[in-house]
Amino acid sequence: MTKLKALFAVPALAVASVSAHAAVDVTALDGTKADVALVGAAVFAVLIAVAGFKYIRRLL
């Protein structure tokens, strides 16, 4: 039984490795880089504003 498993494992791994190197379409991802950066910057600005507000309230 183990020889049979080994016999079928080699072709299965060969087929799996070929499909792992297939080309992936990334044209839709290229356009979203600016949107993601804009949202990230907005979230970071809100975090900085909240931290600054808490810091100023603590000083007063």
PDB file of N, CA and C in Angstrom:
ATOM      1  N   MET A   1       0.824  -1.202   0.000  1.00  0.00           N
ATOM      2  CA  MET A   1       0.000   0.000   0.000  1.00  0.00           C
ATOM      3  C   MET A   1       0.864   1.261   0.000  1.00  0.00           C
ATOM      4  N   THR A   2       1.979   1.248   0.738  1.00  0.00           N
ATOM      5  CA  THR A   2       2.831   2.436   0.774  1.00  0.00           C
ATOM      6  C   THR A   2       3.517   2.662  -0.562  1.00  0.00           C
ATOM      7  N   LYS A   3       3.836   1.572  -1.275  1.00  0.00           N
ATOM      8  CA  LYS A   3       4.436   1.733  -2.598  1.00  0.00           C
ATOM      9  C   LYS A   3       3.441   2.354  -3.572  1.00  0.00           C
ATOM     10  N   LEU A   4       2.178   1.989  -3.417  1.00  0.00           N
ATOM     11  CA  LEU A   4       1.141   2.543  -4.275  1.00  0.00           C
ATOM     12  C   LEU A   4       0.960   4.036  -4.013  1.00  0.00           C
ATOM     13  N   LYS A   5       1.001   4.423  -2.746  1.00  0.00           N
ATOM     14  CA  LYS A   5       0.892   5.844  -2.401  1.00  0.00           C
ATOM     15  C   LYS A   5       2.070   6.629  -2.966  1.00  0.00           C
ATOM     16  N   ALA A   6       3.262   6.061  -2.852  1.00  0.00           N
ATOM     17  CA  ALA A   6       4.450   6.726  -3.380  1.00  0.00           C
ATOM     18  C   ALA A   6       4.390   6.824  -4.899  1.00  0.00           C
ATOM     19  N   LEU A   7       3.818   5.822  -5.529  1.00  0.00           N
ATOM     20  CA  LEU A   7       3.710   5.819  -6.984  1.00  0.00           C
ATOM     21  C   LEU A   7       2.804   6.943  -7.479  1.00  0.00           C
ATOM     22  N   PHE A   8       1.718   7.208  -6.762  1.00  0.00           N
ATOM     23  CA  PHE A   8       0.787   8.252  -7.177  1.00  0.00           C
ATOM     24  C   PHE A   8       1.150   9.626  -6.627  1.00  0.00           C
ATOM     25  N   ALA A   9       2.011   9.692  -5.652  1.00  0.00           N
ATOM     26  CA  ALA A   9       2.375  10.978  -5.056  1.00  0.00           C
ATOM     27  C   ALA A   9       3.242  11.802  -5.995  1.00  0.00           C
ATOM     28  N   VAL A  10       4.121  11.174  -6.731  1.00  0.00           N
ATOM     29  CA  VAL A  10       5.042  11.909  -7.606  1.00  0.00           C
ATOM     30  C   VAL A  10       4.301  12.638  -8.720  1.00  0.00           C
ATOM     31  N   PRO A  11       3.415  12.006  -9.475  1.00  0.00           N
ATOM     32  CA  PRO A  11       2.689  12.762 -10.507  1.00  0.00           C
ATOM     33  C   PRO A  11       1.768  13.830  -9.922  1.00  0.00           C
ATOM     34  N   ALA A  12       1.203  13.551  -8.768  1.00  0.00           N
ATOM     35  CA  ALA A  12       0.318  14.540  -8.150  1.00  0.00           C
ATOM     36  C   ALA A  12       1.101  15.780  -7.749  1.00  0.00           C
ATOM     37  N   LEU A  13       2.279  15.601  -7.205  1.00  0.00           N
ATOM     38  CA  LEU A  13       3.114  16.748  -6.833  1.00  0.00           C
ATOM     39  C   LEU A  13       3.593  17.507  -8.066  1.00  0.00           C
ATOM     40  N   ALA A  14       3.866  16.806  -9.143  1.00  0.00           N
ATOM     41  CA  ALA A  14       4.303  17.472 -10.365  1.00  0.00           C
ATOM     42  C   ALA A  14       3.193  18.350 -10.931  1.00  0.00           C
ATOM     43  N   VAL A  15       1.975  17.870 -10.914  1.00  0.00           N
ATOM     44  CA  VAL A  15       0.838  18.655 -11.411  1.00  0.00           C
ATOM     45  C   VAL A  15       0.577  19.845 -10.500  1.00  0.00           C
ATOM     46  N   ALA A  16       0.696  19.650  -9.205  1.00  0.00           N
ATOM     47  CA  ALA A  16       0.450  20.733  -8.252  1.00  0.00           C
ATOM     48  C   ALA A  16       1.496  21.826  -8.385  1.00  0.00           C
ATOM     49  N   SER A  17       2.738  21.466  -8.656  1.00  0.00           N
ATOM     50  CA  SER A  17       3.782  22.482  -8.761  1.00  0.00           C
ATOM     51  C   SER A  17       3.645  23.292 -10.046  1.00  0.00           C
ATOM     52  N   VAL A  18       3.119  22.703 -11.101  1.00  0.00           N
ATOM     53  CA  VAL A  18       2.919  23.443 -12.349  1.00  0.00           C
ATOM     54  C   VAL A  18       1.833  24.493 -12.167  1.00  0.00           C
ATOM     55  N   SER A  19       0.746  24.147 -11.513  1.00  0.00           N
ATOM     56  CA  SER A  19      -0.333  25.111 -11.331  1.00  0.00           C
ATOM     57  C   SER A  19       0.030  26.172 -10.305  1.00  0.00           C
ATOM     58  N   ALA A  20       0.997  25.920  -9.466  1.00  0.00           N
ATOM     59  CA  ALA A  20       1.405  26.906  -8.469  1.00  0.00           C
ATOM     60  C   ALA A  20       2.151  28.069  -9.114  1.00  0.00           C
ATOM     61  N   HIS A  21       2.718  27.866 -10.282  1.00  0.00           N
ATOM     62  CA  HIS A  21       3.483  28.907 -10.954  1.00  0.00           C
ATOM     63  C   HIS A  21       2.693  29.585 -12.068  1.00  0.00           C
ATOM     64  N   ALA A  22       1.390  29.488 -12.020  1.00  0.00           N
ATOM     65  CA  ALA A  22       0.559  30.105 -13.047  1.00  0.00           C
ATOM     66  C   ALA A  22       0.562  31.622 -12.876  1.00  0.00           C
ATOM     67  N   ALA A  23       0.414  32.341 -13.967  1.00  0.00           N
ATOM     68  CA  ALA A  23       0.391  33.803 -13.929  1.00  0.00           C
ATOM     69  C   ALA A  23      -0.926  34.284 -13.325  1.00  0.00           C
ATOM     70  N   VAL A  24      -0.834  35.312 -12.502  1.00  0.00           N
ATOM     71  CA  VAL A  24      -2.006  35.870 -11.841  1.00  0.00           C
ATOM     72  C   VAL A  24      -2.249  37.264 -12.405  1.00  0.00           C
ATOM     73  N   ASP A  25      -3.490  37.553 -12.761  1.00  0.00           N
ATOM     74  CA  ASP A  25      -3.843  38.860 -13.304  1.00  0.00           C
ATOM     75  C   ASP A  25      -3.884  39.885 -12.176  1.00  0.00           C
ATOM     76  N   VAL A  26      -3.035  40.914 -12.260  1.00  0.00           N
ATOM     77  CA  VAL A  26      -2.944  41.916 -11.193  1.00  0.00           C
ATOM     78  C   VAL A  26      -3.339  43.306 -11.679  1.00  0.00           C
ATOM     79  N   THR A  27      -3.997  43.403 -12.816  1.00  0.00           N
ATOM     80  CA  THR A  27      -4.347  44.725 -13.332  1.00  0.00           C
ATOM     81  C   THR A  27      -5.356  45.423 -12.433  1.00  0.00           C
ATOM     82  N   ALA A  28      -6.242  44.683 -11.806  1.00  0.00           N
ATOM     83  CA  ALA A  28      -7.222  45.303 -10.912  1.00  0.00           C
ATOM     84  C   ALA A  28      -6.561  45.790  -9.632  1.00  0.00           C
ATOM     85  N   LEU A  29      -5.488  45.158  -9.224  1.00  0.00           N
ATOM     86  CA  LEU A  29      -4.801  45.556  -7.996  1.00  0.00           C
ATOM     87  C   LEU A  29      -3.975  46.819  -8.188  1.00  0.00           C
ATOM     88  N   ASP A  30      -3.497  47.070  -9.395  1.00  0.00           N
ATOM     89  CA  ASP A  30      -2.665  48.245  -9.637  1.00  0.00           C
ATOM     90  C   ASP A  30      -3.434  49.539  -9.423  1.00  0.00           C
ATOM     91  N   GLY A  31      -4.691  49.563  -9.758  1.00  0.00           N
ATOM     92  CA  GLY A  31      -5.488  50.775  -9.612  1.00  0.00           C
ATOM     93  C   GLY A  31      -5.901  51.065  -8.185  1.00  0.00           C
ATOM     94  N   THR A  32      -5.845  50.074  -7.329  1.00  0.00           N
ATOM     95  CA  THR A  32      -6.307  50.275  -5.955  1.00  0.00           C
ATOM     96  C   THR A  32      -5.201  50.701  -5.001  1.00  0.00           C
ATOM     97  N   LYS A  33      -3.970  50.770  -5.468  1.00  0.00           N
ATOM     98  CA  LYS A  33      -2.866  51.146  -4.582  1.00  0.00           C
ATOM     99  C   LYS A  33      -3.056  52.548  -4.027  1.00  0.00           C
ATOM    100  N   ALA A  34      -3.469  53.482  -4.860  1.00  0.00           N
ATOM    101  CA  ALA A  34      -3.667  54.856  -4.403  1.00  0.00           C
ATOM    102  C   ALA A  34      -4.833  54.944  -3.426  1.00  0.00           C
ATOM    103  N   ASP A  35      -5.889  54.195  -3.685  1.00  0.00           N
ATOM    104  CA  ASP A  35      -7.043  54.208  -2.781  1.00  0.00           C
ATOM    105  C   ASP A  35      -6.679  53.655  -1.407  1.00  0.00           C
ATOM    106  N   VAL A  36      -5.924  52.588  -1.391  1.00  0.00           N
ATOM    107  CA  VAL A  36      -5.519  51.986  -0.120  1.00  0.00           C
ATOM    108  C   VAL A  36      -4.595  52.925   0.634  1.00  0.00           C
ATOM    109  N   ALA A  37      -3.692  53.582  -0.066  1.00  0.00           N
ATOM    110  CA  ALA A  37      -2.791  54.534   0.584  1.00  0.00           C
ATOM    111  C   ALA A  37      -3.568  55.715   1.151  1.00  0.00           C
ATOM    112  N   LEU A  38      -4.579  56.178   0.445  1.00  0.00           N
ATOM    113  CA  LEU A  38      -5.392  57.297   0.921  1.00  0.00           C
ATOM    114  C   LEU A  38      -6.171  56.918   2.180  1.00  0.00           C
ATOM    115  N   VAL A  39      -6.762  55.756   2.190  1.00  0.00           N
ATOM    116  CA  VAL A  39      -7.506  55.306   3.371  1.00  0.00           C
ATOM    117  C   VAL A  39      -6.552  55.098   4.545  1.00  0.00           C
ATOM    118  N   GLY A  40      -5.394  54.533   4.297  1.00  0.00           N
ATOM    119  CA  GLY A  40      -4.407  54.338   5.358  1.00  0.00           C
ATOM    120  C   GLY A  40      -3.939  55.652   5.949  1.00  0.00           C
ATOM    121  N   ALA A  41      -3.711  56.640   5.099  1.00  0.00           N
ATOM    122  CA  ALA A  41      -3.293  57.956   5.587  1.00  0.00           C
ATOM    123  C   ALA A  41      -4.401  58.614   6.399  1.00  0.00           C
ATOM    124  N   ALA A  42      -5.645  58.449   5.984  1.00  0.00           N
ATOM    125  CA  ALA A  42      -6.766  59.031   6.725  1.00  0.00           C
ATOM    126  C   ALA A  42      -6.910  58.379   8.099  1.00  0.00           C
ATOM    127  N   VAL A  43      -6.775  57.075   8.166  1.00  0.00           N
ATOM    128  CA  VAL A  43      -6.864  56.377   9.455  1.00  0.00           C
ATOM    129  C   VAL A  43      -5.715  56.795  10.360  1.00  0.00           C
ATOM    130  N   PHE A  44      -4.523  56.917   9.804  1.00  0.00           N
ATOM    131  CA  PHE A  44      -3.368  57.344  10.591  1.00  0.00           C
ATOM    132  C   PHE A  44      -3.562  58.764  11.106  1.00  0.00           C
ATOM    133  N   ALA A  45      -4.119  59.646  10.288  1.00  0.00           N
ATOM    134  CA  ALA A  45      -4.373  61.022  10.718  1.00  0.00           C
ATOM    135  C   ALA A  45      -5.391  61.061  11.852  1.00  0.00           C
ATOM    136  N   VAL A  46      -6.409  60.234  11.786  1.00  0.00           N
ATOM    137  CA  VAL A  46      -7.403  60.186  12.864  1.00  0.00           C
ATOM    138  C   VAL A  46      -6.758  59.685  14.152  1.00  0.00           C
ATOM    139  N   LEU A  47      -5.913  58.675  14.065  1.00  0.00           N
ATOM    140  CA  LEU A  47      -5.233  58.171  15.258  1.00  0.00           C
ATOM    141  C   LEU A  47      -4.334  59.233  15.882  1.00  0.00           C
ATOM    142  N   ILE A  48      -3.617  59.973  15.059  1.00  0.00           N
ATOM    143  CA  ILE A  48      -2.755  61.044  15.564  1.00  0.00           C
ATOM    144  C   ILE A  48      -3.601  62.139  16.199  1.00  0.00           C
ATOM    145  N   ALA A  49      -4.732  62.485  15.592  1.00  0.00           N
ATOM    146  CA  ALA A  49      -5.604  63.526  16.146  1.00  0.00           C
ATOM    147  C   ALA A  49      -6.177  63.099  17.494  1.00  0.00           C
ATOM    148  N   VAL A  50      -6.591  61.866  17.621  1.00  0.00           N
ATOM    149  CA  VAL A  50      -7.133  61.371  18.891  1.00  0.00           C
ATOM    150  C   VAL A  50      -6.047  61.365  19.960  1.00  0.00           C
ATOM    151  N   ALA A  51      -4.857  60.911  19.616  1.00  0.00           N
ATOM    152  CA  ALA A  51      -3.759  60.896  20.583  1.00  0.00           C
ATOM    153  C   ALA A  51      -3.395  62.313  21.004  1.00  0.00           C
ATOM    154  N   GLY A  52      -3.364  63.244  20.065  1.00  0.00           N
ATOM    155  CA  GLY A  52      -3.072  64.641  20.401  1.00  0.00           C
ATOM    156  C   GLY A  52      -4.143  65.247  21.286  1.00  0.00           C
ATOM    157  N   PHE A  53      -5.394  64.952  21.001  1.00  0.00           N
ATOM    158  CA  PHE A  53      -6.500  65.465  21.816  1.00  0.00           C
ATOM    159  C   PHE A  53      -6.407  64.939  23.244  1.00  0.00           C
ATOM    160  N   LYS A  54      -6.115  63.646  23.395  1.00  0.00           N
ATOM    161  CA  LYS A  54      -5.978  63.072  24.735  1.00  0.00           C
ATOM    162  C   LYS A  54      -4.790  63.685  25.470  1.00  0.00           C
ATOM    163  N   TYR A  55      -3.698  63.934  24.751  1.00  0.00           N
ATOM    164  CA  TYR A  55      -2.502  64.520  25.353  1.00  0.00           C
ATOM    165  C   TYR A  55      -2.779  65.945  25.824  1.00  0.00           C
ATOM    166  N   ILE A  56      -3.471  66.734  25.024  1.00  0.00           N
ATOM    167  CA  ILE A  56      -3.788  68.118  25.393  1.00  0.00           C
ATOM    168  C   ILE A  56      -4.753  68.143  26.571  1.00  0.00           C
ATOM    169  N   ARG A  57      -5.734  67.261  26.597  1.00  0.00           N
ATOM    170  CA  ARG A  57      -6.681  67.222  27.729  1.00  0.00           C
ATOM    171  C   ARG A  57      -5.978  66.848  29.024  1.00  0.00           C
ATOM    172  N   ARG A  58      -4.984  65.981  28.933  1.00  0.00           N
ATOM    173  CA  ARG A  58      -4.252  65.585  30.130  1.00  0.00           C
ATOM    174  C   ARG A  58      -3.419  66.749  30.662  1.00  0.00           C
ATOM    175  N   LEU A  59      -2.893  67.587  29.779  1.00  0.00           N
ATOM    176  CA  LEU A  59      -2.086  68.732  30.210  1.00  0.00           C
ATOM    177  C   LEU A  59      -2.932  69.814  30.865  1.00  0.00           C
ATOM    178  N   LEU A  60      -4.181  69.936  30.452  1.00  0.00           N
ATOM    179  CA  LEU A  60      -5.043  70.968  31.034  1.00  0.00           C
ATOM    180  C   LEU A  60      -5.599  70.442  32.291  1.00  0.00           C
TER     181      LEU A  60
END
